Amino acid sequence: ALRAFDAQLAQVAAFGDEAAPPADRDAWLAAMSAASDALDAGDLVTAMGSLVRAAAEDPADRQSRELASELAPHLQSAQAAA
């Protein structure tokens, strides 16, 4: 979902001089906090959803994308083991 979102942002940017949508830092912080809480609870699915939401709240931020990339293999392993 995050890769698709980033691809759409890039496509829109290629069509004009539109900048990325403005960041909602409060919503980004809330989503990052929710991701942290979910990770503390061992809920990888909720953590990934919160990281994707954080990335959408601040499209220019790399931290949420990097964390989602780090989490993805663990999420896939957990789902395969279930």
PDB file of N, CA and C in Angstrom:
ATOM      1  N   ALA A   1       0.825  -1.191   0.000  1.00  0.00           N
ATOM      2  CA  ALA A   1       0.000   0.000   0.000  1.00  0.00           C
ATOM      3  C   ALA A   1       0.873   1.261   0.000  1.00  0.00           C
ATOM      4  N   LEU A   2       1.935   1.207   0.779  1.00  0.00           N
ATOM      5  CA  LEU A   2       2.812   2.374   0.857  1.00  0.00           C
ATOM      6  C   LEU A   2       3.545   2.615  -0.460  1.00  0.00           C
ATOM      7  N   ARG A   3       3.992   1.559  -1.092  1.00  0.00           N
ATOM      8  CA  ARG A   3       4.660   1.718  -2.396  1.00  0.00           C
ATOM      9  C   ARG A   3       3.694   2.270  -3.436  1.00  0.00           C
ATOM     10  N   ALA A   4       2.461   1.798  -3.418  1.00  0.00           N
ATOM     11  CA  ALA A   4       1.461   2.305  -4.360  1.00  0.00           C
ATOM     12  C   ALA A   4       1.184   3.782  -4.100  1.00  0.00           C
ATOM     13  N   PHE A   5       1.089   4.152  -2.844  1.00  0.00           N
ATOM     14  CA  PHE A   5       0.869   5.550  -2.482  1.00  0.00           C
ATOM     15  C   PHE A   5       2.014   6.422  -2.986  1.00  0.00           C
ATOM     16  N   ASP A   6       3.246   5.994  -2.741  1.00  0.00           N
ATOM     17  CA  ASP A   6       4.408   6.758  -3.197  1.00  0.00           C
ATOM     18  C   ASP A   6       4.451   6.851  -4.713  1.00  0.00           C
ATOM     19  N   ALA A   7       4.078   5.781  -5.404  1.00  0.00           N
ATOM     20  CA  ALA A   7       4.058   5.808  -6.869  1.00  0.00           C
ATOM     21  C   ALA A   7       3.017   6.808  -7.372  1.00  0.00           C
ATOM     22  N   GLN A   8       1.873   6.859  -6.726  1.00  0.00           N
ATOM     23  CA  GLN A   8       0.847   7.821  -7.124  1.00  0.00           C
ATOM     24  C   GLN A   8       1.307   9.251  -6.870  1.00  0.00           C
ATOM     25  N   LEU A   9       1.962   9.494  -5.745  1.00  0.00           N
ATOM     26  CA  LEU A   9       2.500  10.831  -5.473  1.00  0.00           C
ATOM     27  C   LEU A   9       3.499  11.244  -6.550  1.00  0.00           C
ATOM     28  N   ALA A  10       4.363  10.330  -6.936  1.00  0.00           N
ATOM     29  CA  ALA A  10       5.360  10.623  -7.967  1.00  0.00           C
ATOM     30  C   ALA A  10       4.689  10.909  -9.304  1.00  0.00           C
ATOM     31  N   GLN A  11       3.648  10.158  -9.622  1.00  0.00           N
ATOM     32  CA  GLN A  11       2.948  10.371 -10.890  1.00  0.00           C
ATOM     33  C   GLN A  11       2.256  11.732 -10.910  1.00  0.00           C
ATOM     34  N   VAL A  12       1.616  12.086  -9.824  1.00  0.00           N
ATOM     35  CA  VAL A  12       0.960  13.398  -9.746  1.00  0.00           C
ATOM     36  C   VAL A  12       1.997  14.508  -9.856  1.00  0.00           C
ATOM     37  N   ALA A  13       3.115  14.364  -9.178  1.00  0.00           N
ATOM     38  CA  ALA A  13       4.172  15.378  -9.226  1.00  0.00           C
ATOM     39  C   ALA A  13       4.729  15.521 -10.637  1.00  0.00           C
ATOM     40  N   ALA A  14       4.787  14.437 -11.394  1.00  0.00           N
ATOM     41  CA  ALA A  14       5.321  14.481 -12.749  1.00  0.00           C
ATOM     42  C   ALA A  14       4.413  15.254 -13.700  1.00  0.00           C
ATOM     43  N   PHE A  15       3.131  15.377 -13.375  1.00  0.00           N
ATOM     44  CA  PHE A  15       2.187  16.059 -14.250  1.00  0.00           C
ATOM     45  C   PHE A  15       2.154  17.560 -14.063  1.00  0.00           C
ATOM     46  N   GLY A  16       2.810  18.057 -13.054  1.00  0.00           N
ATOM     47  CA  GLY A  16       2.750  19.495 -12.836  1.00  0.00           C
ATOM     48  C   GLY A  16       3.737  19.944 -11.798  1.00  0.00           C
ATOM     49  N   ASP A  17       3.549  21.157 -11.413  1.00  0.00           N
ATOM     50  CA  ASP A  17       4.425  21.753 -10.418  1.00  0.00           C
ATOM     51  C   ASP A  17       3.871  21.602  -9.009  1.00  0.00           C
ATOM     52  N   GLU A  18       2.973  20.670  -8.851  1.00  0.00           N
ATOM     53  CA  GLU A  18       2.370  20.468  -7.544  1.00  0.00           C
ATOM     54  C   GLU A  18       3.391  19.880  -6.577  1.00  0.00           C
ATOM     55  N   ALA A  19       3.480  20.473  -5.446  1.00  0.00           N
ATOM     56  CA  ALA A  19       4.337  19.937  -4.388  1.00  0.00           C
ATOM     57  C   ALA A  19       3.563  18.854  -3.648  1.00  0.00           C
ATOM     58  N   ALA A  20       4.270  18.112  -2.845  1.00  0.00           N
ATOM     59  CA  ALA A  20       3.608  17.104  -2.015  1.00  0.00           C
ATOM     60  C   ALA A  20       2.617  17.807  -1.099  1.00  0.00           C
ATOM     61  N   PRO A  21       1.552  17.114  -0.740  1.00  0.00           N
ATOM     62  CA  PRO A  21       0.603  17.737   0.178  1.00  0.00           C
ATOM     63  C   PRO A  21       1.296  18.138   1.475  1.00  0.00           C
ATOM     64  N   PRO A  22       0.810  19.184   2.110  1.00  0.00           N
ATOM     65  CA  PRO A  22       1.459  19.604   3.355  1.00  0.00           C
ATOM     66  C   PRO A  22       1.353  18.522   4.423  1.00  0.00           C
ATOM     67  N   ALA A  23       2.370  18.460   5.231  1.00  0.00           N
ATOM     68  CA  ALA A  23       2.405  17.453   6.284  1.00  0.00           C
ATOM     69  C   ALA A  23       1.486  17.854   7.430  1.00  0.00           C
ATOM     70  N   ASP A  24       0.852  16.862   7.995  1.00  0.00           N
ATOM     71  CA  ASP A  24       0.086  17.051   9.222  1.00  0.00           C
ATOM     72  C   ASP A  24       0.919  16.413  10.326  1.00  0.00           C
ATOM     73  N   ARG A  25       1.793  17.199  10.925  1.00  0.00           N
ATOM     74  CA  ARG A  25       2.752  16.658  11.884  1.00  0.00           C
ATOM     75  C   ARG A  25       2.069  16.081  13.127  1.00  0.00           C
ATOM     76  N   ASP A  26       0.955  16.657  13.549  1.00  0.00           N
ATOM     77  CA  ASP A  26       0.262  16.103  14.714  1.00  0.00           C
ATOM     78  C   ASP A  26      -0.285  14.709  14.397  1.00  0.00           C
ATOM     79  N   ALA A  27      -0.878  14.559  13.207  1.00  0.00           N
ATOM     80  CA  ALA A  27      -1.405  13.252  12.803  1.00  0.00           C
ATOM     81  C   ALA A  27      -0.256  12.268  12.590  1.00  0.00           C
ATOM     82  N   TRP A  28       0.866  12.752  12.037  1.00  0.00           N
ATOM     83  CA  TRP A  28       2.040  11.895  11.845  1.00  0.00           C
ATOM     84  C   TRP A  28       2.541  11.382  13.192  1.00  0.00           C
ATOM     85  N   LEU A  29       2.667  12.282  14.140  1.00  0.00           N
ATOM     86  CA  LEU A  29       3.148  11.905  15.473  1.00  0.00           C
ATOM     87  C   LEU A  29       2.193  10.918  16.146  1.00  0.00           C
ATOM     88  N   ALA A  30       0.894  11.138  15.998  1.00  0.00           N
ATOM     89  CA  ALA A  30      -0.088  10.212  16.584  1.00  0.00           C
ATOM     90  C   ALA A  30       0.036   8.828  15.947  1.00  0.00           C
ATOM     91  N   ALA A  31       0.216   8.782  14.634  1.00  0.00           N
ATOM     92  CA  ALA A  31       0.356   7.492  13.944  1.00  0.00           C
ATOM     93  C   ALA A  31       1.654   6.795  14.338  1.00  0.00           C
ATOM     94  N   MET A  32       2.738   7.543  14.464  1.00  0.00           N
ATOM     95  CA  MET A  32       4.016   6.951  14.885  1.00  0.00           C
ATOM     96  C   MET A  32       3.915   6.437  16.317  1.00  0.00           C
ATOM     97  N   SER A  33       3.214   7.168  17.175  1.00  0.00           N
ATOM     98  CA  SER A  33       3.018   6.735  18.551  1.00  0.00           C
ATOM     99  C   SER A  33       2.177   5.456  18.589  1.00  0.00           C
ATOM    100  N   ALA A  34       1.154   5.390  17.764  1.00  0.00           N
ATOM    101  CA  ALA A  34       0.322   4.186  17.693  1.00  0.00           C
ATOM    102  C   ALA A  34       1.139   3.001  17.194  1.00  0.00           C
ATOM    103  N   ALA A  35       2.029   3.242  16.229  1.00  0.00           N
ATOM    104  CA  ALA A  35       2.900   2.172  15.736  1.00  0.00           C
ATOM    105  C   ALA A  35       3.813   1.669  16.849  1.00  0.00           C
ATOM    106  N   SER A  36       4.367   2.583  17.607  1.00  0.00           N
ATOM    107  CA  SER A  36       5.236   2.205  18.721  1.00  0.00           C
ATOM    108  C   SER A  36       4.479   1.389  19.769  1.00  0.00           C
ATOM    109  N   ASP A  37       3.279   1.836  20.099  1.00  0.00           N
ATOM    110  CA  ASP A  37       2.460   1.109  21.077  1.00  0.00           C
ATOM    111  C   ASP A  37       2.136  -0.292  20.563  1.00  0.00           C
ATOM    112  N   ALA A  38       1.804  -0.402  19.278  1.00  0.00           N
ATOM    113  CA  ALA A  38       1.482  -1.706  18.699  1.00  0.00           C
ATOM    114  C   ALA A  38       2.698  -2.620  18.707  1.00  0.00           C
ATOM    115  N   LEU A  39       3.860  -2.073  18.400  1.00  0.00           N
ATOM    116  CA  LEU A  39       5.078  -2.887  18.441  1.00  0.00           C
ATOM    117  C   LEU A  39       5.367  -3.355  19.861  1.00  0.00           C
ATOM    118  N   ASP A  40       5.175  -2.478  20.830  1.00  0.00           N
ATOM    119  CA  ASP A  40       5.371  -2.860  22.232  1.00  0.00           C
ATOM    120  C   ASP A  40       4.437  -4.003  22.629  1.00  0.00           C
ATOM    121  N   ALA A  41       3.247  -4.014  22.039  1.00  0.00           N
ATOM    122  CA  ALA A  41       2.269  -5.062  22.343  1.00  0.00           C
ATOM    123  C   ALA A  41       2.457  -6.302  21.470  1.00  0.00           C
ATOM    124  N   GLY A  42       3.406  -6.242  20.523  1.00  0.00           N
ATOM    125  CA  GLY A  42       3.655  -7.374  19.636  1.00  0.00           C
ATOM    126  C   GLY A  42       2.661  -7.493  18.495  1.00  0.00           C
ATOM    127  N   ASP A  43       1.910  -6.433  18.223  1.00  0.00           N
ATOM    128  CA  ASP A  43       0.899  -6.435  17.165  1.00  0.00           C
ATOM    129  C   ASP A  43       1.491  -5.838  15.892  1.00  0.00           C
ATOM    130  N   LEU A  44       2.107  -6.694  15.082  1.00  0.00           N
ATOM    131  CA  LEU A  44       2.802  -6.229  13.884  1.00  0.00           C
ATOM    132  C   LEU A  44       1.853  -5.680  12.824  1.00  0.00           C
ATOM    133  N   VAL A  45       0.669  -6.256  12.714  1.00  0.00           N
ATOM    134  CA  VAL A  45      -0.294  -5.805  11.704  1.00  0.00           C
ATOM    135  C   VAL A  45      -0.729  -4.369  11.998  1.00  0.00           C
ATOM    136  N   THR A  46      -1.092  -4.098  13.238  1.00  0.00           N
ATOM    137  CA  THR A  46      -1.502  -2.745  13.607  1.00  0.00           C
ATOM    138  C   THR A  46      -0.336  -1.768  13.478  1.00  0.00           C
ATOM    139  N   ALA A  47       0.859  -2.209  13.839  1.00  0.00           N
ATOM    140  CA  ALA A  47       2.040  -1.352  13.707  1.00  0.00           C
ATOM    141  C   ALA A  47       2.263  -0.961  12.252  1.00  0.00           C
ATOM    142  N   MET A  48       2.144  -1.936  11.345  1.00  0.00           N
ATOM    143  CA  MET A  48       2.348  -1.626   9.931  1.00  0.00           C
ATOM    144  C   MET A  48       1.278  -0.663   9.432  1.00  0.00           C
ATOM    145  N   GLY A  49       0.042  -0.881   9.825  1.00  0.00           N
ATOM    146  CA  GLY A  49      -1.026   0.040   9.425  1.00  0.00           C
ATOM    147  C   GLY A  49      -0.769   1.454   9.915  1.00  0.00           C
ATOM    148  N   SER A  50      -0.282   1.575  11.126  1.00  0.00           N
ATOM    149  CA  SER A  50       0.023   2.903  11.681  1.00  0.00           C
ATOM    150  C   SER A  50       1.195   3.550  10.959  1.00  0.00           C
ATOM    151  N   LEU A  51       2.192   2.755  10.567  1.00  0.00           N
ATOM    152  CA  LEU A  51       3.326   3.312   9.820  1.00  0.00           C
ATOM    153  C   LEU A  51       2.894   3.787   8.433  1.00  0.00           C
ATOM    154  N   VAL A  52       2.009   3.052   7.800  1.00  0.00           N
ATOM    155  CA  VAL A  52       1.495   3.480   6.493  1.00  0.00           C
ATOM    156  C   VAL A  52       0.696   4.770   6.657  1.00  0.00           C
ATOM    157  N   ARG A  53      -0.113   4.856   7.713  1.00  0.00           N
ATOM    158  CA  ARG A  53      -0.870   6.084   7.971  1.00  0.00           C
ATOM    159  C   ARG A  53       0.076   7.255   8.233  1.00  0.00           C
ATOM    160  N   ALA A  54       1.150   7.016   8.988  1.00  0.00           N
ATOM    161  CA  ALA A  54       2.126   8.077   9.255  1.00  0.00           C
ATOM    162  C   ALA A  54       2.767   8.552   7.955  1.00  0.00           C
ATOM    163  N   ALA A  55       3.094   7.623   7.077  1.00  0.00           N
ATOM    164  CA  ALA A  55       3.697   7.998   5.795  1.00  0.00           C
ATOM    165  C   ALA A  55       2.738   8.850   4.971  1.00  0.00           C
ATOM    166  N   ALA A  56       1.465   8.549   5.039  1.00  0.00           N
ATOM    167  CA  ALA A  56       0.479   9.340   4.303  1.00  0.00           C
ATOM    168  C   ALA A  56       0.298  10.730   4.910  1.00  0.00           C
ATOM    169  N   GLU A  57       0.454  10.837   6.209  1.00  0.00           N
ATOM    170  CA  GLU A  57       0.295  12.128   6.883  1.00  0.00           C
ATOM    171  C   GLU A  57       1.443  13.085   6.570  1.00  0.00           C
ATOM    172  N   ASP A  58       2.620  12.540   6.296  1.00  0.00           N
ATOM    173  CA  ASP A  58       3.777  13.374   5.948  1.00  0.00           C
ATOM    174  C   ASP A  58       4.543  12.690   4.822  1.00  0.00           C
ATOM    175  N   PRO A  59       4.120  12.921   3.575  1.00  0.00           N
ATOM    176  CA  PRO A  59       4.724  12.225   2.442  1.00  0.00           C
ATOM    177  C   PRO A  59       6.220  12.463   2.268  1.00  0.00           C
ATOM    178  N   ALA A  60       6.754  13.524   2.811  1.00  0.00           N
ATOM    179  CA  ALA A  60       8.180  13.802   2.655  1.00  0.00           C
ATOM    180  C   ALA A  60       9.027  13.110   3.720  1.00  0.00           C
ATOM    181  N   ASP A  61       8.403  12.592   4.755  1.00  0.00           N
ATOM    182  CA  ASP A  61       9.145  11.961   5.847  1.00  0.00           C
ATOM    183  C   ASP A  61       9.635  10.582   5.436  1.00  0.00           C
ATOM    184  N   ARG A  62      10.884  10.284   5.735  1.00  0.00           N
ATOM    185  CA  ARG A  62      11.454   8.979   5.393  1.00  0.00           C
ATOM    186  C   ARG A  62      11.399   7.992   6.556  1.00  0.00           C
ATOM    187  N   GLN A  63      11.287   8.474   7.772  1.00  0.00           N
ATOM    188  CA  GLN A  63      11.360   7.612   8.950  1.00  0.00           C
ATOM    189  C   GLN A  63      10.274   6.542   8.944  1.00  0.00           C
ATOM    190  N   SER A  64       9.039   6.921   8.689  1.00  0.00           N
ATOM    191  CA  SER A  64       7.954   5.939   8.704  1.00  0.00           C
ATOM    192  C   SER A  64       8.140   4.902   7.604  1.00  0.00           C
ATOM    193  N   ARG A  65       8.637   5.331   6.439  1.00  0.00           N
ATOM    194  CA  ARG A  65       8.874   4.401   5.329  1.00  0.00           C
ATOM    195  C   ARG A  65      10.012   3.421   5.658  1.00  0.00           C
ATOM    196  N   GLU A  66      11.065   3.933   6.271  1.00  0.00           N
ATOM    197  CA  GLU A  66      12.187   3.064   6.646  1.00  0.00           C
ATOM    198  C   GLU A  66      11.746   2.032   7.689  1.00  0.00           C
ATOM    199  N   LEU A  67      10.970   2.467   8.659  1.00  0.00           N
ATOM    200  CA  LEU A  67      10.484   1.541   9.684  1.00  0.00           C
ATOM    201  C   LEU A  67       9.543   0.499   9.077  1.00  0.00           C
ATOM    202  N   ALA A  68       8.685   0.922   8.148  1.00  0.00           N
ATOM    203  CA  ALA A  68       7.792  -0.030   7.481  1.00  0.00           C
ATOM    204  C   ALA A  68       8.597  -1.049   6.686  1.00  0.00           C
ATOM    205  N   SER A  69       9.656  -0.612   6.027  1.00  0.00           N
ATOM    206  CA  SER A  69      10.510  -1.538   5.279  1.00  0.00           C
ATOM    207  C   SER A  69      11.199  -2.534   6.202  1.00  0.00           C
ATOM    208  N   GLU A  70      11.618  -2.074   7.366  1.00  0.00           N
ATOM    209  CA  GLU A  70      12.249  -2.967   8.343  1.00  0.00           C
ATOM    210  C   GLU A  70      11.245  -3.950   8.935  1.00  0.00           C
ATOM    211  N   LEU A  71      10.019  -3.515   9.105  1.00  0.00           N
ATOM    212  CA  LEU A  71       8.991  -4.359   9.711  1.00  0.00           C
ATOM    213  C   LEU A  71       8.441  -5.399   8.739  1.00  0.00           C
ATOM    214  N   ALA A  72       8.405  -5.083   7.457  1.00  0.00           N
ATOM    215  CA  ALA A  72       7.756  -5.950   6.461  1.00  0.00           C
ATOM    216  C   ALA A  72       8.224  -7.405   6.508  1.00  0.00           C
ATOM    217  N   PRO A  73       9.521  -7.690   6.543  1.00  0.00           N
ATOM    218  CA  PRO A  73       9.933  -9.112   6.582  1.00  0.00           C
ATOM    219  C   PRO A  73       9.451  -9.833   7.849  1.00  0.00           C
ATOM    220  N   HIS A  74       9.411  -9.130   8.965  1.00  0.00           N
ATOM    221  CA  HIS A  74       8.955  -9.728  10.220  1.00  0.00           C
ATOM    222  C   HIS A  74       7.453 -10.012  10.154  1.00  0.00           C
ATOM    223  N   LEU A  75       6.718  -9.102   9.531  1.00  0.00           N
ATOM    224  CA  LEU A  75       5.282  -9.281   9.383  1.00  0.00           C
ATOM    225  C   LEU A  75       4.992 -10.475   8.484  1.00  0.00           C
ATOM    226  N   GLN A  76       5.740 -10.593   7.385  1.00  0.00           N
ATOM    227  CA  GLN A  76       5.549 -11.710   6.472  1.00  0.00           C
ATOM    228  C   GLN A  76       5.887 -13.034   7.153  1.00  0.00           C
ATOM    229  N   SER A  77       6.946 -13.047   7.950  1.00  0.00           N
ATOM    230  CA  SER A  77       7.332 -14.268   8.672  1.00  0.00           C
ATOM    231  C   SER A  77       6.261 -14.665   9.685  1.00  0.00           C
ATOM    232  N   ALA A  78       5.723 -13.690  10.379  1.00  0.00           N
ATOM    233  CA  ALA A  78       4.686 -13.953  11.373  1.00  0.00           C
ATOM    234  C   ALA A  78       3.424 -14.492  10.710  1.00  0.00           C
ATOM    235  N   GLN A  79       3.078 -13.917   9.545  1.00  0.00           N
ATOM    236  CA  GLN A  79       1.887 -14.384   8.845  1.00  0.00           C
ATOM    237  C   GLN A  79       2.108 -15.800   8.299  1.00  0.00           C
ATOM    238  N   ALA A  80       3.300 -16.113   7.847  1.00  0.00           N
ATOM    239  CA  ALA A  80       3.591 -17.446   7.315  1.00  0.00           C
ATOM    240  C   ALA A  80       3.550 -18.487   8.432  1.00  0.00           C
ATOM    241  N   ALA A  81       3.962 -18.091   9.630  1.00  0.00           N
ATOM    242  CA  ALA A  81       3.976 -19.025  10.758  1.00  0.00           C
ATOM    243  C   ALA A  81       2.581 -19.267  11.327  1.00  0.00           C
ATOM    244  N   ALA A  82       1.662 -18.345  11.048  1.00  0.00           N
ATOM    245  CA  ALA A  82       0.303 -18.466  11.605  1.00  0.00           C
ATOM    246  C   ALA A  82      -0.530 -19.500  10.895  1.00  0.00           C
TER     247      ALA A  82
END
